[in-house]
All heavy atoms as atom14 arrays in JSON, in Angstrom:
{
  "sequence": "NKLEEHSDEITLLVTDIEMPNMNGFELTQRIRSDERY",
  "atom14_mask": [
    [1, 1, 1, 1, 1, 1, 1, 1, 0, 0, 0, 0, 0, 0],
    [1, 1, 1, 1, 1, 1, 1, 1, 1, 0, 0, 0, 0, 0],
    [1, 1, 1, 1, 1, 1, 1, 1, 0, 0, 0, 0, 0, 0],
    [1, 1, 1, 1, 1, 1, 1, 1, 1, 0, 0, 0, 0, 0],
    [1, 1, 1, 1, 1, 1, 1, 1, 1, 0, 0, 0, 0, 0],
    [1, 1, 1, 1, 1, 1, 1, 1, 1, 1, 0, 0, 0, 0],
    [1, 1, 1, 1, 1, 1, 0, 0, 0, 0, 0, 0, 0, 0],
    [1, 1, 1, 1, 1, 1, 1, 1, 0, 0, 0, 0, 0, 0],
    [1, 1, 1, 1, 1, 1, 1, 1, 1, 0, 0, 0, 0, 0],
    [1, 1, 1, 1, 1, 1, 1, 1, 0, 0, 0, 0, 0, 0],
    [1, 1, 1, 1, 1, 1, 1, 0, 0, 0, 0, 0, 0, 0],
    [1, 1, 1, 1, 1, 1, 1, 1, 0, 0, 0, 0, 0, 0],
    [1, 1, 1, 1, 1, 1, 1, 1, 0, 0, 0, 0, 0, 0],
    [1, 1, 1, 1, 1, 1, 1, 0, 0, 0, 0, 0, 0, 0],
    [1, 1, 1, 1, 1, 1, 1, 0, 0, 0, 0, 0, 0, 0],
    [1, 1, 1, 1, 1, 1, 1, 1, 0, 0, 0, 0, 0, 0],
    [1, 1, 1, 1, 1, 1, 1, 1, 0, 0, 0, 0, 0, 0],
    [1, 1, 1, 1, 1, 1, 1, 1, 1, 0, 0, 0, 0, 0],
    [1, 1, 1, 1, 1, 1, 1, 1, 0, 0, 0, 0, 0, 0],
    [1, 1, 1, 1, 1, 1, 1, 0, 0, 0, 0, 0, 0, 0],
    [1, 1, 1, 1, 1, 1, 1, 1, 0, 0, 0, 0, 0, 0],
    [1, 1, 1, 1, 1, 1, 1, 1, 0, 0, 0, 0, 0, 0],
    [1, 1, 1, 1, 1, 1, 1, 1, 0, 0, 0, 0, 0, 0],
    [1, 1, 1, 1, 0, 0, 0, 0, 0, 0, 0, 0, 0, 0],
    [1, 1, 1, 1, 1, 1, 1, 1, 1, 1, 1, 0, 0, 0],
    [1, 1, 1, 1, 1, 1, 1, 1, 1, 0, 0, 0, 0, 0],
    [1, 1, 1, 1, 1, 1, 1, 1, 0, 0, 0, 0, 0, 0],
    [1, 1, 1, 1, 1, 1, 1, 0, 0, 0, 0, 0, 0, 0],
    [1, 1, 1, 1, 1, 1, 1, 1, 1, 0, 0, 0, 0, 0],
    [1, 1, 1, 1, 1, 1, 1, 1, 1, 1, 1, 0, 0, 0],
    [1, 1, 1, 1, 1, 1, 1, 1, 0, 0, 0, 0, 0, 0],
    [1, 1, 1, 1, 1, 1, 1, 1, 1, 1, 1, 0, 0, 0],
    [1, 1, 1, 1, 1, 1, 0, 0, 0, 0, 0, 0, 0, 0],
    [1, 1, 1, 1, 1, 1, 1, 1, 0, 0, 0, 0, 0, 0],
    [1, 1, 1, 1, 1, 1, 1, 1, 1, 0, 0, 0, 0, 0],
    [1, 1, 1, 1, 1, 1, 1, 1, 1, 1, 1, 0, 0, 0],
    [1, 1, 1, 1, 1, 1, 1, 1, 1, 1, 1, 1, 0, 0]
  ],
  "atom14_positions": [
    [[139.08, 66.35, 63.87], [140.52, 66.3, 64.18], [141.34, 67.0, 63.1], [142.32, 67.7, 63.41], [140.98, 64.85, 64.33], [140.38, 64.18, 65.57], [140.04, 64.86, 66.55], [140.23, 62.86, 65.53], [0.0, 0.0, 0.0], [0.0, 0.0, 0.0], [0.0, 0.0, 0.0], [0.0, 0.0, 0.0], [0.0, 0.0, 0.0], [0.0, 0.0, 0.0]],
    [[140.95, 66.83, 61.83], [141.67, 67.5, 60.74], [141.47, 69.01, 60.82], [142.39, 69.79, 60.54], [141.18, 66.98, 59.38], [141.56, 65.52, 59.09], [143.02, 65.39, 58.74], [143.39, 63.92, 58.52], [143.63, 63.55, 57.17], [0.0, 0.0, 0.0], [0.0, 0.0, 0.0], [0.0, 0.0, 0.0], [0.0, 0.0, 0.0], [0.0, 0.0, 0.0]],
    [[140.28, 69.43, 61.21], [140.01, 70.86, 61.37], [140.87, 71.45, 62.48], [141.43, 72.54, 62.33], [138.53, 71.09, 61.66], [138.09, 72.55, 61.84], [138.38, 73.37, 60.59], [136.6, 72.62, 62.17], [0.0, 0.0, 0.0], [0.0, 0.0, 0.0], [0.0, 0.0, 0.0], [0.0, 0.0, 0.0], [0.0, 0.0, 0.0], [0.0, 0.0, 0.0]],
    [[140.99, 70.73, 63.57], [141.84, 71.19, 64.67], [143.31, 71.27, 64.24], [144.02, 72.21, 64.59], [141.71, 70.22, 65.86], [140.39, 70.28, 66.6], [140.35, 71.41, 67.61], [140.09, 72.56, 67.19], [140.61, 71.14, 68.79], [0.0, 0.0, 0.0], [0.0, 0.0, 0.0], [0.0, 0.0, 0.0], [0.0, 0.0, 0.0], [0.0, 0.0, 0.0]],
    [[143.71, 70.29, 63.47], [145.11, 70.2, 63.03], [145.46, 71.27, 62.0], [146.58, 71.79, 61.97], [145.36, 68.81, 62.44], [146.8, 68.54, 62.05], [146.97, 67.14, 61.46], [146.05, 66.31, 61.6], [148.03, 66.88, 60.87], [0.0, 0.0, 0.0], [0.0, 0.0, 0.0], [0.0, 0.0, 0.0], [0.0, 0.0, 0.0], [0.0, 0.0, 0.0]],
    [[144.5, 71.62, 61.14], [144.76, 72.57, 60.05], [143.84, 73.78, 60.14], [143.4, 74.32, 59.11], [144.55, 71.87, 58.69], [145.41, 70.66, 58.48], [146.7, 70.72, 58.03], [145.12, 69.34, 58.66], [147.2, 69.49, 57.93], [146.26, 68.63, 58.3], [0.0, 0.0, 0.0], [0.0, 0.0, 0.0], [0.0, 0.0, 0.0], [0.0, 0.0, 0.0]],
    [[143.55, 74.23, 61.32], [142.57, 75.3, 61.53], [142.94, 76.59, 60.8], [142.06, 77.33, 60.36], [142.39, 75.58, 63.02], [143.64, 75.93, 63.61], [0.0, 0.0, 0.0], [0.0, 0.0, 0.0], [0.0, 0.0, 0.0], [0.0, 0.0, 0.0], [0.0, 0.0, 0.0], [0.0, 0.0, 0.0], [0.0, 0.0, 0.0], [0.0, 0.0, 0.0]],
    [[144.23, 76.87, 60.66], [144.64, 78.11, 60.0], [144.55, 78.04, 58.48], [144.62, 79.07, 57.81], [146.09, 78.46, 60.4], [146.21, 78.79, 61.88], [145.19, 79.18, 62.48], [147.31, 78.63, 62.44], [0.0, 0.0, 0.0], [0.0, 0.0, 0.0], [0.0, 0.0, 0.0], [0.0, 0.0, 0.0], [0.0, 0.0, 0.0], [0.0, 0.0, 0.0]],
    [[144.41, 76.83, 57.95], [144.41, 76.66, 56.49], [143.01, 76.51, 55.92], [142.73, 76.98, 54.81], [145.21, 75.4, 56.11], [146.62, 75.35, 56.66], [147.23, 73.97, 56.5], [147.01, 73.36, 55.43], [147.87, 73.47, 57.45], [0.0, 0.0, 0.0], [0.0, 0.0, 0.0], [0.0, 0.0, 0.0], [0.0, 0.0, 0.0], [0.0, 0.0, 0.0]],
    [[142.11, 75.84, 56.64], [140.82, 75.43, 56.07], [139.87, 76.62, 55.94], [139.62, 77.35, 56.89], [140.19, 74.31, 56.93], [141.04, 73.05, 56.82], [138.76, 74.03, 56.49], [140.68, 71.95, 57.77], [0.0, 0.0, 0.0], [0.0, 0.0, 0.0], [0.0, 0.0, 0.0], [0.0, 0.0, 0.0], [0.0, 0.0, 0.0], [0.0, 0.0, 0.0]],
    [[139.36, 76.8, 54.72], [138.48, 77.92, 54.4], [137.01, 77.52, 54.37], [136.14, 78.35, 54.59], [138.87, 78.5, 53.01], [140.26, 78.83, 53.02], [138.07, 79.74, 52.68], [0.0, 0.0, 0.0], [0.0, 0.0, 0.0], [0.0, 0.0, 0.0], [0.0, 0.0, 0.0], [0.0, 0.0, 0.0], [0.0, 0.0, 0.0], [0.0, 0.0, 0.0]],
    [[136.75, 76.23, 54.12], [135.36, 75.79, 53.95], [135.29, 74.29, 54.23], [136.25, 73.55, 53.96], [134.91, 76.11, 52.52], [133.5, 75.74, 52.08], [132.95, 76.81, 51.12], [133.49, 74.38, 51.33], [0.0, 0.0, 0.0], [0.0, 0.0, 0.0], [0.0, 0.0, 0.0], [0.0, 0.0, 0.0], [0.0, 0.0, 0.0], [0.0, 0.0, 0.0]],
    [[134.15, 73.84, 54.76], [133.91, 72.42, 55.0], [132.78, 71.93, 54.11], [131.72, 72.54, 54.04], [133.53, 72.19, 56.47], [132.95, 70.8, 56.81], [134.0, 69.71, 56.63], [132.4, 70.78, 58.24], [0.0, 0.0, 0.0], [0.0, 0.0, 0.0], [0.0, 0.0, 0.0], [0.0, 0.0, 0.0], [0.0, 0.0, 0.0], [0.0, 0.0, 0.0]],
    [[133.02, 70.79, 53.43], [131.98, 70.08, 52.7], [131.8, 68.74, 53.4], [132.76, 67.96, 53.48], [132.35, 69.87, 51.22], [131.28, 69.05, 50.51], [132.54, 71.2, 50.52], [0.0, 0.0, 0.0], [0.0, 0.0, 0.0], [0.0, 0.0, 0.0], [0.0, 0.0, 0.0], [0.0, 0.0, 0.0], [0.0, 0.0, 0.0], [0.0, 0.0, 0.0]],
    [[130.61, 68.48, 53.92], [130.42, 67.28, 54.73], [129.23, 66.46, 54.3], [128.19, 66.99, 53.88], [130.27, 67.66, 56.23], [130.12, 66.45, 57.0], [129.07, 68.55, 56.47], [0.0, 0.0, 0.0], [0.0, 0.0, 0.0], [0.0, 0.0, 0.0], [0.0, 0.0, 0.0], [0.0, 0.0, 0.0], [0.0, 0.0, 0.0], [0.0, 0.0, 0.0]],
    [[129.38, 65.14, 54.42], [128.26, 64.23, 54.29], [127.43, 64.33, 55.57], [127.91, 64.86, 56.59], [128.8, 62.81, 54.09], [127.71, 61.79, 53.82], [126.62, 62.19, 53.39], [127.96, 60.59, 54.04], [0.0, 0.0, 0.0], [0.0, 0.0, 0.0], [0.0, 0.0, 0.0], [0.0, 0.0, 0.0], [0.0, 0.0, 0.0], [0.0, 0.0, 0.0]],
    [[126.21, 63.8, 55.54], [125.4, 63.77, 56.76], [125.54, 62.44, 57.48], [125.93, 62.38, 58.65], [123.92, 64.05, 56.44], [123.77, 65.49, 55.93], [123.04, 63.85, 57.68], [124.2, 66.56, 56.91], [0.0, 0.0, 0.0], [0.0, 0.0, 0.0], [0.0, 0.0, 0.0], [0.0, 0.0, 0.0], [0.0, 0.0, 0.0], [0.0, 0.0, 0.0]],
    [[125.25, 61.34, 56.79], [125.31, 60.03, 57.42], [126.73, 59.49, 57.38], [127.23, 59.11, 56.33], [124.35, 59.05, 56.71], [122.89, 59.47, 56.77], [122.36, 59.5, 58.19], [123.03, 58.99, 59.1], [121.25, 60.03, 58.39], [0.0, 0.0, 0.0], [0.0, 0.0, 0.0], [0.0, 0.0, 0.0], [0.0, 0.0, 0.0], [0.0, 0.0, 0.0]],
    [[127.39, 59.48, 58.55], [128.76, 58.98, 58.66], [128.91, 58.25, 59.99], [128.23, 58.59, 60.97], [129.77, 60.13, 58.6], [129.83, 60.87, 57.28], [131.11, 62.17, 57.27], [130.39, 63.37, 58.41], [0.0, 0.0, 0.0], [0.0, 0.0, 0.0], [0.0, 0.0, 0.0], [0.0, 0.0, 0.0], [0.0, 0.0, 0.0], [0.0, 0.0, 0.0]],
    [[129.81, 57.28, 60.06], [130.06, 56.62, 61.35], [130.84, 57.53, 62.3], [131.39, 58.55, 61.89], [130.9, 55.39, 60.95], [131.56, 55.79, 59.67], [130.6, 56.69, 58.97], [0.0, 0.0, 0.0], [0.0, 0.0, 0.0], [0.0, 0.0, 0.0], [0.0, 0.0, 0.0], [0.0, 0.0, 0.0], [0.0, 0.0, 0.0], [0.0, 0.0, 0.0]],
    [[130.88, 57.15, 63.57], [131.64, 57.83, 64.63], [131.07, 59.21, 64.98], [130.82, 59.51, 66.13], [133.13, 57.95, 64.29], [133.77, 56.58, 64.1], [133.46, 55.65, 64.85], [134.64, 56.45, 63.12], [0.0, 0.0, 0.0], [0.0, 0.0, 0.0], [0.0, 0.0, 0.0], [0.0, 0.0, 0.0], [0.0, 0.0, 0.0], [0.0, 0.0, 0.0]],
    [[130.89, 60.05, 63.99], [130.28, 61.36, 64.2], [129.63, 61.77, 62.88], [130.32, 61.88, 61.87], [131.33, 62.4, 64.63], [130.76, 63.79, 64.91], [132.07, 65.02, 65.19], [132.72, 64.48, 66.75], [0.0, 0.0, 0.0], [0.0, 0.0, 0.0], [0.0, 0.0, 0.0], [0.0, 0.0, 0.0], [0.0, 0.0, 0.0], [0.0, 0.0, 0.0]],
    [[128.31, 61.98, 62.89], [127.65, 62.32, 61.63], [127.8, 63.82, 61.32], [128.36, 64.58, 62.11], [126.18, 61.88, 61.63], [125.33, 62.62, 62.66], [125.55, 63.8, 62.94], [124.35, 61.92, 63.22], [0.0, 0.0, 0.0], [0.0, 0.0, 0.0], [0.0, 0.0, 0.0], [0.0, 0.0, 0.0], [0.0, 0.0, 0.0], [0.0, 0.0, 0.0]],
    [[127.28, 64.22, 60.18], [127.45, 65.6, 59.74], [126.77, 66.6, 60.64], [127.26, 67.72, 60.83], [0.0, 0.0, 0.0], [0.0, 0.0, 0.0], [0.0, 0.0, 0.0], [0.0, 0.0, 0.0], [0.0, 0.0, 0.0], [0.0, 0.0, 0.0], [0.0, 0.0, 0.0], [0.0, 0.0, 0.0], [0.0, 0.0, 0.0], [0.0, 0.0, 0.0]],
    [[125.6, 66.24, 61.22], [124.92, 67.13, 62.15], [125.78, 67.36, 63.39], [125.94, 68.49, 63.87], [123.57, 66.55, 62.57], [122.57, 66.45, 61.45], [121.77, 65.33, 61.31], [122.41, 67.48, 60.54], [120.84, 65.24, 60.29], [121.48, 67.4, 59.51], [120.7, 66.26, 59.39], [0.0, 0.0, 0.0], [0.0, 0.0, 0.0], [0.0, 0.0, 0.0]],
    [[126.32, 66.25, 63.93], [127.14, 66.35, 65.15], [128.42, 67.14, 64.89], [128.85, 67.93, 65.73], [127.46, 64.95, 65.66], [126.23, 64.17, 66.14], [126.49, 62.68, 66.28], [127.45, 62.17, 65.66], [125.72, 62.04, 67.02], [0.0, 0.0, 0.0], [0.0, 0.0, 0.0], [0.0, 0.0, 0.0], [0.0, 0.0, 0.0], [0.0, 0.0, 0.0]],
    [[129.02, 66.91, 63.72], [130.23, 67.64, 63.37], [129.93, 69.13, 63.26], [130.67, 69.97, 63.8], [130.79, 67.12, 62.04], [131.97, 67.89, 61.44], [133.16, 67.9, 62.4], [132.38, 67.29, 60.08], [0.0, 0.0, 0.0], [0.0, 0.0, 0.0], [0.0, 0.0, 0.0], [0.0, 0.0, 0.0], [0.0, 0.0, 0.0], [0.0, 0.0, 0.0]],
    [[128.84, 69.48, 62.59], [128.47, 70.89, 62.45], [128.2, 71.52, 63.81], [128.62, 72.65, 64.09], [127.22, 71.02, 61.55], [127.51, 70.46, 60.27], [126.81, 72.47, 61.39], [0.0, 0.0, 0.0], [0.0, 0.0, 0.0], [0.0, 0.0, 0.0], [0.0, 0.0, 0.0], [0.0, 0.0, 0.0], [0.0, 0.0, 0.0], [0.0, 0.0, 0.0]],
    [[127.49, 70.79, 64.66], [127.15, 71.32, 65.99], [128.42, 71.58, 66.8], [128.54, 72.6, 67.48], [126.26, 70.32, 66.72], [125.44, 70.93, 67.83], [124.27, 70.05, 68.22], [124.23, 68.86, 67.93], [123.28, 70.65, 68.86], [0.0, 0.0, 0.0], [0.0, 0.0, 0.0], [0.0, 0.0, 0.0], [0.0, 0.0, 0.0], [0.0, 0.0, 0.0]],
    [[129.37, 70.66, 66.72], [130.62, 70.85, 67.47], [131.39, 72.05, 66.93], [131.95, 72.84, 67.69], [131.49, 69.59, 67.38], [132.82, 69.75, 68.11], [133.66, 68.48, 68.13], [133.11, 67.49, 69.03], [133.8, 66.43, 69.46], [135.05, 66.23, 69.03], [133.26, 65.56, 70.27], [0.0, 0.0, 0.0], [0.0, 0.0, 0.0], [0.0, 0.0, 0.0]],
    [[131.41, 72.2, 65.61], [132.11, 73.34, 65.01], [131.47, 74.65, 65.42], [132.16, 75.6, 65.81], [132.11, 73.2, 63.46], [133.04, 72.05, 63.04], [132.54, 74.5, 62.79], [132.96, 71.69, 61.57], [0.0, 0.0, 0.0], [0.0, 0.0, 0.0], [0.0, 0.0, 0.0], [0.0, 0.0, 0.0], [0.0, 0.0, 0.0], [0.0, 0.0, 0.0]],
    [[130.14, 74.71, 65.37], [129.45, 75.96, 65.7], [129.53, 76.31, 67.18], [129.38, 77.47, 67.55], [127.98, 75.87, 65.27], [127.77, 75.81, 63.76], [128.37, 77.03, 63.06], [128.11, 77.03, 61.62], [129.0, 77.32, 60.71], [130.25, 77.61, 61.08], [128.7, 77.32, 59.42], [0.0, 0.0, 0.0], [0.0, 0.0, 0.0], [0.0, 0.0, 0.0]],
    [[129.79, 75.32, 68.03], [129.92, 75.6, 69.45], [131.3, 76.11, 69.83], [131.55, 76.5, 70.97], [129.61, 74.34, 70.28], [130.57, 73.33, 70.02], [0.0, 0.0, 0.0], [0.0, 0.0, 0.0], [0.0, 0.0, 0.0], [0.0, 0.0, 0.0], [0.0, 0.0, 0.0], [0.0, 0.0, 0.0], [0.0, 0.0, 0.0], [0.0, 0.0, 0.0]],
    [[132.22, 76.13, 68.85], [133.58, 76.62, 69.07], [133.7, 77.98, 68.36], [133.59, 78.05, 67.14], [134.59, 75.62, 68.51], [136.02, 75.93, 68.92], [136.41, 77.11, 68.88], [136.75, 74.98, 69.28], [0.0, 0.0, 0.0], [0.0, 0.0, 0.0], [0.0, 0.0, 0.0], [0.0, 0.0, 0.0], [0.0, 0.0, 0.0], [0.0, 0.0, 0.0]],
    [[133.94, 79.03, 69.12], [133.96, 80.38, 68.55], [135.03, 80.57, 67.49], [134.93, 81.44, 66.63], [134.12, 81.42, 69.65], [135.42, 81.3, 70.44], [135.52, 82.36, 71.52], [134.48, 82.96, 71.86], [136.64, 82.56, 72.03], [0.0, 0.0, 0.0], [0.0, 0.0, 0.0], [0.0, 0.0, 0.0], [0.0, 0.0, 0.0], [0.0, 0.0, 0.0]],
    [[136.05, 79.72, 67.51], [137.09, 79.83, 66.49], [136.55, 79.55, 65.09], [137.08, 80.05, 64.1], [138.23, 78.84, 66.78], [139.04, 79.13, 68.03], [140.05, 78.02, 68.27], [139.38, 76.74, 68.49], [140.02, 75.56, 68.47], [141.31, 75.5, 68.17], [139.34, 74.44, 68.7], [0.0, 0.0, 0.0], [0.0, 0.0, 0.0], [0.0, 0.0, 0.0]],
    [[135.5, 78.74, 65.0], [134.99, 78.31, 63.7], [133.57, 78.82, 63.44], [132.88, 78.29, 62.56], [135.0, 76.78, 63.62], [136.3, 76.14, 64.02], [136.36, 75.19, 65.03], [137.49, 76.5, 63.39], [137.56, 74.6, 65.4], [138.7, 75.92, 63.76], [138.72, 74.97, 64.76], [139.91, 74.39, 65.13], [0.0, 0.0, 0.0], [0.0, 0.0, 0.0]]
  ]
}
């Protein structure tokens, strides 16, 4: 959600792997499936 909100500003993502709601693998997969990112 923060990436969507600040897509024009964010240059790099640093992510943990084990997280509630959406883990780092799922977050990465969602980002890579969107051509904008």
